[in-house]
Amino acid sequence: MVIKSVNGKSPQLPSDCFVAENATIVGDVTLGASCSVWFNAVIRGDVHFITIGNKVNIQDGAIIHCTYQKHPTIIGNNVSIGHNAIVHGCTIHDNVLIGMGAIVMDNCIVESNSIIAAGAVVTQNTVVESGSIYAGVPAKKVKEIDQSAFKGEIERIATNYVMYSSWFKE
């Protein structure tokens, strides 16, 4: 793994986080408890800060970056960032699933209990409504989520990634 300081700022990682051997975390990055950063993922806090909550999984090949002097990236709790997703200069609230290959661009807000579908492109300045699924290019709201089923599913995914990461700590 590459954990690198930039301009006097160093990543802050709790001891219970898992970071894969070939993941890269650079600069002003703070991870919460029980996070996992998987193979070939990059979290680059070189041009602004990145704050990541508890039980967040950043899956293989995902990229998290920010926008110089404009937009930090802030990610809440129980968030899953799917394989090869790009999250850039935006805010993602709690209990969110960002699908595989999705792109969330600058100054977007993804409200709690939402899903960004695989391959979706959430264009700059979009506000994703709480409790909804956004899909397509550009991403648009496609439906409301049944919240009773959804909260359990998002918690299950986040908890499973804590379990998966434990396999690599042994």
C-alpha atoms as a PDB file:
ATOM      1  CA  MET A   1       0.000   0.000   0.000  1.00  0.00           C
ATOM      2  CA  VAL A   2       1.077   3.566  -0.556  1.00  0.00           C
ATOM      3  CA  ILE A   3       0.288   5.935   2.307  1.00  0.00           C
ATOM      4  CA  LYS A   4       1.855   9.257   1.364  1.00  0.00           C
ATOM      5  CA  SER A   5       2.036  12.748   2.851  1.00  0.00           C
ATOM      6  CA  VAL A   6       1.640  15.795   0.625  1.00  0.00           C
ATOM      7  CA  ASN A   7       2.236  19.432   1.600  1.00  0.00           C
ATOM      8  CA  GLY A   8       2.566  18.461   5.263  1.00  0.00           C
ATOM      9  CA  LYS A   9      -0.764  16.589   5.331  1.00  0.00           C
ATOM     10  CA  SER A  10      -0.830  12.871   6.071  1.00  0.00           C
ATOM     11  CA  PRO A  11      -3.655  10.337   5.836  1.00  0.00           C
ATOM     12  CA  GLN A  12      -5.317   9.490   9.172  1.00  0.00           C
ATOM     13  CA  LEU A  13      -6.322   5.842   9.351  1.00  0.00           C
ATOM     14  CA  PRO A  14      -7.700   4.073  12.418  1.00  0.00           C
ATOM     15  CA  SER A  15      -5.967   0.806  13.227  1.00  0.00           C
ATOM     16  CA  ASP A  16      -9.111  -1.229  12.483  1.00  0.00           C
ATOM     17  CA  CYS A  17      -9.193  -0.177   8.810  1.00  0.00           C
ATOM     18  CA  PHE A  18      -8.077  -2.500   6.059  1.00  0.00           C
ATOM     19  CA  VAL A  19      -5.997  -1.083   3.201  1.00  0.00           C
ATOM     20  CA  ALA A  20      -5.003  -3.495   0.406  1.00  0.00           C
ATOM     21  CA  GLU A  21      -1.327  -3.789  -0.490  1.00  0.00           C
ATOM     22  CA  ASN A  22      -1.709  -1.940  -3.785  1.00  0.00           C
ATOM     23  CA  ALA A  23      -4.187   0.739  -2.691  1.00  0.00           C
ATOM     24  CA  THR A  24      -3.003   4.348  -2.546  1.00  0.00           C
ATOM     25  CA  ILE A  25      -4.019   6.969   0.031  1.00  0.00           C
ATOM     26  CA  VAL A  26      -2.435  10.404  -0.296  1.00  0.00           C
ATOM     27  CA  GLY A  27      -2.580  13.700   1.600  1.00  0.00           C
ATOM     28  CA  ASP A  28      -5.399  15.195   3.638  1.00  0.00           C
ATOM     29  CA  VAL A  29      -7.523  12.057   4.031  1.00  0.00           C
ATOM     30  CA  THR A  30      -9.322  10.963   7.199  1.00  0.00           C
ATOM     31  CA  LEU A  31     -10.993   7.570   7.439  1.00  0.00           C
ATOM     32  CA  GLY A  32     -13.466   6.572  10.147  1.00  0.00           C
ATOM     33  CA  ALA A  33     -13.591   3.259  11.984  1.00  0.00           C
ATOM     34  CA  SER A  34     -13.955  -0.101  10.240  1.00  0.00           C
ATOM     35  CA  CYS A  35     -13.316   1.174   6.709  1.00  0.00           C
ATOM     36  CA  SER A  36     -11.812  -0.884   3.901  1.00  0.00           C
ATOM     37  CA  VAL A  37      -9.869   0.300   0.880  1.00  0.00           C
ATOM     38  CA  TRP A  38      -9.562  -2.483  -1.670  1.00  0.00           C
ATOM     39  CA  PHE A  39      -7.124  -3.451  -4.399  1.00  0.00           C
ATOM     40  CA  ASN A  40      -6.045  -0.682  -6.794  1.00  0.00           C
ATOM     41  CA  ALA A  41      -8.290   1.899  -5.117  1.00  0.00           C
ATOM     42  CA  VAL A  42      -6.948   5.461  -4.927  1.00  0.00           C
ATOM     43  CA  ILE A  43      -7.939   8.124  -2.391  1.00  0.00           C
ATOM     44  CA  ARG A  44      -6.145  11.340  -3.311  1.00  0.00           C
ATOM     45  CA  GLY A  45      -6.448  14.250  -0.880  1.00  0.00           C
ATOM     46  CA  ASP A  46      -3.691  16.305  -2.475  1.00  0.00           C
ATOM     47  CA  VAL A  47      -5.682  19.338  -3.653  1.00  0.00           C
ATOM     48  CA  HIS A  48      -8.388  19.467  -0.941  1.00  0.00           C
ATOM     49  CA  PHE A  49      -9.486  17.317   1.992  1.00  0.00           C
ATOM     50  CA  ILE A  50     -11.343  14.013   1.959  1.00  0.00           C
ATOM     51  CA  THR A  51     -13.303  12.871   5.000  1.00  0.00           C
ATOM     52  CA  ILE A  52     -14.740   9.369   5.114  1.00  0.00           C
ATOM     53  CA  GLY A  53     -17.099   8.119   7.845  1.00  0.00           C
ATOM     54  CA  ASN A  54     -17.374   4.738   9.579  1.00  0.00           C
ATOM     55  CA  LYS A  55     -17.925   1.366   7.854  1.00  0.00           C
ATOM     56  CA  VAL A  56     -17.211   2.689   4.377  1.00  0.00           C
ATOM     57  CA  ASN A  57     -15.913   0.279   1.763  1.00  0.00           C
ATOM     58  CA  ILE A  58     -14.027   1.602  -1.229  1.00  0.00           C
ATOM     59  CA  GLN A  59     -13.954  -1.306  -3.617  1.00  0.00           C
ATOM     60  CA  ASP A  60     -11.390  -2.415  -6.182  1.00  0.00           C
ATOM     61  CA  GLY A  61     -10.265   0.258  -8.617  1.00  0.00           C
ATOM     62  CA  ALA A  62     -12.416   3.046  -7.176  1.00  0.00           C
ATOM     63  CA  ILE A  63     -11.028   6.586  -7.249  1.00  0.00           C
ATOM     64  CA  ILE A  64     -11.869   9.278  -4.725  1.00  0.00           C
ATOM     65  CA  HIS A  65     -10.531  12.764  -5.395  1.00  0.00           C
ATOM     66  CA  CYS A  66     -11.509  16.395  -4.819  1.00  0.00           C
ATOM     67  CA  THR A  67     -11.347  19.748  -6.612  1.00  0.00           C
ATOM     68  CA  TYR A  68      -8.529  22.217  -6.046  1.00  0.00           C
ATOM     69  CA  GLN A  69      -9.643  25.127  -3.826  1.00  0.00           C
ATOM     70  CA  LYS A  70     -13.321  24.398  -4.531  1.00  0.00           C
ATOM     71  CA  HIS A  71     -14.798  21.085  -3.450  1.00  0.00           C
ATOM     72  CA  PRO A  72     -13.636  18.629  -0.802  1.00  0.00           C
ATOM     73  CA  THR A  73     -15.052  15.115  -0.798  1.00  0.00           C
ATOM     74  CA  ILE A  74     -17.109  14.137   2.225  1.00  0.00           C
ATOM     75  CA  ILE A  75     -18.487  10.624   2.625  1.00  0.00           C
ATOM     76  CA  GLY A  76     -20.816   9.605   5.468  1.00  0.00           C
ATOM     77  CA  ASN A  77     -21.240   6.291   7.312  1.00  0.00           C
ATOM     78  CA  ASN A  78     -22.221   2.889   5.882  1.00  0.00           C
ATOM     79  CA  VAL A  79     -21.363   3.847   2.318  1.00  0.00           C
ATOM     80  CA  SER A  80     -20.317   1.365  -0.355  1.00  0.00           C
ATOM     81  CA  ILE A  81     -18.314   2.727  -3.285  1.00  0.00           C
ATOM     82  CA  GLY A  82     -18.504   0.055  -6.003  1.00  0.00           C
ATOM     83  CA  HIS A  83     -15.705  -1.330  -8.134  1.00  0.00           C
ATOM     84  CA  ASN A  84     -14.184   1.248 -10.533  1.00  0.00           C
ATOM     85  CA  ALA A  85     -16.473   4.062  -9.378  1.00  0.00           C
ATOM     86  CA  ILE A  86     -15.223   7.664  -9.379  1.00  0.00           C
ATOM     87  CA  VAL A  87     -16.279  10.013  -6.581  1.00  0.00           C
ATOM     88  CA  HIS A  88     -15.001  13.553  -7.154  1.00  0.00           C
ATOM     89  CA  GLY A  89     -15.433  16.742  -5.115  1.00  0.00           C
ATOM     90  CA  CYS A  90     -18.869  15.856  -3.755  1.00  0.00           C
ATOM     91  CA  THR A  91     -20.790  15.007  -0.581  1.00  0.00           C
ATOM     92  CA  ILE A  92     -22.261  11.573   0.009  1.00  0.00           C
ATOM     93  CA  HIS A  93     -24.469  11.205   3.076  1.00  0.00           C
ATOM     94  CA  ASP A  94     -25.052   8.043   5.176  1.00  0.00           C
ATOM     95  CA  ASN A  95     -26.348   4.682   3.923  1.00  0.00           C
ATOM     96  CA  VAL A  96     -25.590   5.125   0.241  1.00  0.00           C
ATOM     97  CA  LEU A  97     -24.590   2.645  -2.448  1.00  0.00           C
ATOM     98  CA  ILE A  98     -22.526   3.985  -5.356  1.00  0.00           C
ATOM     99  CA  GLY A  99     -22.742   1.296  -8.047  1.00  0.00           C
ATOM    100  CA  MET A 100     -19.892  -0.227 -10.011  1.00  0.00           C
ATOM    101  CA  GLY A 101     -18.415   2.136 -12.583  1.00  0.00           C
ATOM    102  CA  ALA A 102     -20.608   5.061 -11.516  1.00  0.00           C
ATOM    103  CA  ILE A 103     -19.248   8.604 -11.598  1.00  0.00           C
ATOM    104  CA  VAL A 104     -20.318  11.274  -9.106  1.00  0.00           C
ATOM    105  CA  MET A 105     -18.963  14.663 -10.149  1.00  0.00           C
ATOM    106  CA  ASP A 106     -18.113  17.985  -8.499  1.00  0.00           C
ATOM    107  CA  ASN A 107     -20.478  19.687  -6.091  1.00  0.00           C
ATOM    108  CA  CYS A 108     -23.037  16.865  -6.126  1.00  0.00           C
ATOM    109  CA  ILE A 109     -24.890  15.923  -2.981  1.00  0.00           C
ATOM    110  CA  VAL A 110     -26.092  12.355  -2.620  1.00  0.00           C
ATOM    111  CA  GLU A 111     -28.588  12.369   0.241  1.00  0.00           C
ATOM    112  CA  SER A 112     -28.969   9.465   2.688  1.00  0.00           C
ATOM    113  CA  ASN A 113     -30.566   6.131   1.862  1.00  0.00           C
ATOM    114  CA  SER A 114     -29.979   6.407  -1.882  1.00  0.00           C
ATOM    115  CA  ILE A 115     -28.512   4.347  -4.696  1.00  0.00           C
ATOM    116  CA  ILE A 116     -26.474   5.503  -7.670  1.00  0.00           C
ATOM    117  CA  ALA A 117     -26.882   2.723 -10.237  1.00  0.00           C
ATOM    118  CA  ALA A 118     -23.938   0.967 -11.853  1.00  0.00           C
ATOM    119  CA  GLY A 119     -22.538   3.015 -14.733  1.00  0.00           C
ATOM    120  CA  ALA A 120     -24.534   6.142 -13.880  1.00  0.00           C
ATOM    121  CA  VAL A 121     -22.981   9.578 -14.371  1.00  0.00           C
ATOM    122  CA  VAL A 122     -24.189  12.076 -11.787  1.00  0.00           C
ATOM    123  CA  THR A 123     -23.325  15.390 -13.386  1.00  0.00           C
ATOM    124  CA  GLN A 124     -21.961  18.459 -11.608  1.00  0.00           C
ATOM    125  CA  ASN A 125     -24.246  20.189  -9.050  1.00  0.00           C
ATOM    126  CA  THR A 126     -26.872  17.407  -8.980  1.00  0.00           C
ATOM    127  CA  VAL A 127     -28.720  16.765  -5.712  1.00  0.00           C
ATOM    128  CA  VAL A 128     -29.756  13.127  -5.404  1.00  0.00           C
ATOM    129  CA  GLU A 129     -32.909  12.965  -3.320  1.00  0.00           C
ATOM    130  CA  SER A 130     -32.962  10.839  -0.176  1.00  0.00           C
ATOM    131  CA  GLY A 131     -34.604   7.473  -0.680  1.00  0.00           C
ATOM    132  CA  SER A 132     -34.204   7.334  -4.450  1.00  0.00           C
ATOM    133  CA  ILE A 133     -32.359   5.494  -7.209  1.00  0.00           C
ATOM    134  CA  TYR A 134     -30.579   7.527  -9.866  1.00  0.00           C
ATOM    135  CA  ALA A 135     -29.469   5.829 -13.088  1.00  0.00           C
ATOM    136  CA  GLY A 136     -28.356   6.654 -16.616  1.00  0.00           C
ATOM    137  CA  VAL A 137     -26.108   9.112 -18.409  1.00  0.00           C
ATOM    138  CA  PRO A 138     -26.728  11.738 -17.251  1.00  0.00           C
ATOM    139  CA  ALA A 139     -28.204  10.209 -14.096  1.00  0.00           C
ATOM    140  CA  LYS A 140     -31.862  10.919 -13.372  1.00  0.00           C
ATOM    141  CA  LYS A 141     -34.210   9.733 -10.663  1.00  0.00           C
ATOM    142  CA  VAL A 142     -35.754   6.445 -11.789  1.00  0.00           C
ATOM    143  CA  LYS A 143     -37.663   5.365  -8.676  1.00  0.00           C
ATOM    144  CA  GLU A 144     -38.209   5.599  -4.949  1.00  0.00           C
ATOM    145  CA  ILE A 145     -36.668   2.971  -2.672  1.00  0.00           C
ATOM    146  CA  ASP A 146     -38.679   0.832  -0.269  1.00  0.00           C
ATOM    147  CA  GLN A 147     -36.893   2.107   2.854  1.00  0.00           C
ATOM    148  CA  SER A 148     -37.837  -0.820   5.100  1.00  0.00           C
ATOM    149  CA  ALA A 149     -35.916  -3.255   2.892  1.00  0.00           C
ATOM    150  CA  PHE A 150     -33.188  -0.825   1.850  1.00  0.00           C
ATOM    151  CA  LYS A 151     -31.717   0.125   5.236  1.00  0.00           C
ATOM    152  CA  GLY A 152     -31.130  -3.514   6.115  1.00  0.00           C
ATOM    153  CA  GLU A 153     -29.492  -4.195   2.760  1.00  0.00           C
ATOM    154  CA  ILE A 154     -27.085  -1.250   2.978  1.00  0.00           C
ATOM    155  CA  GLU A 155     -26.141  -2.225   6.534  1.00  0.00           C
ATOM    156  CA  ARG A 156     -25.619  -5.823   5.378  1.00  0.00           C
ATOM    157  CA  ILE A 157     -23.235  -4.755   2.605  1.00  0.00           C
ATOM    158  CA  ALA A 158     -21.250  -2.458   4.906  1.00  0.00           C
ATOM    159  CA  THR A 159     -21.023  -5.159   7.585  1.00  0.00           C
ATOM    160  CA  ASN A 160     -20.023  -7.803   5.038  1.00  0.00           C
ATOM    161  CA  TYR A 161     -17.110  -5.650   3.893  1.00  0.00           C
ATOM    162  CA  VAL A 162     -15.892  -5.387   7.487  1.00  0.00           C
ATOM    163  CA  MET A 163     -16.021  -9.201   7.581  1.00  0.00           C
ATOM    164  CA  TYR A 164     -14.252  -9.561   4.208  1.00  0.00           C
ATOM    165  CA  SER A 165     -11.463  -7.250   5.330  1.00  0.00           C
ATOM    166  CA  SER A 166     -10.955  -9.345   8.471  1.00  0.00           C
ATOM    167  CA  TRP A 167      -9.945 -12.263   6.245  1.00  0.00           C
ATOM    168  CA  PHE A 168      -6.936 -10.248   5.059  1.00  0.00           C
ATOM    169  CA  LYS A 169      -5.823  -9.182   8.553  1.00  0.00           C
ATOM    170  CA  GLU A 170      -5.151 -12.719   9.778  1.00  0.00           C
END
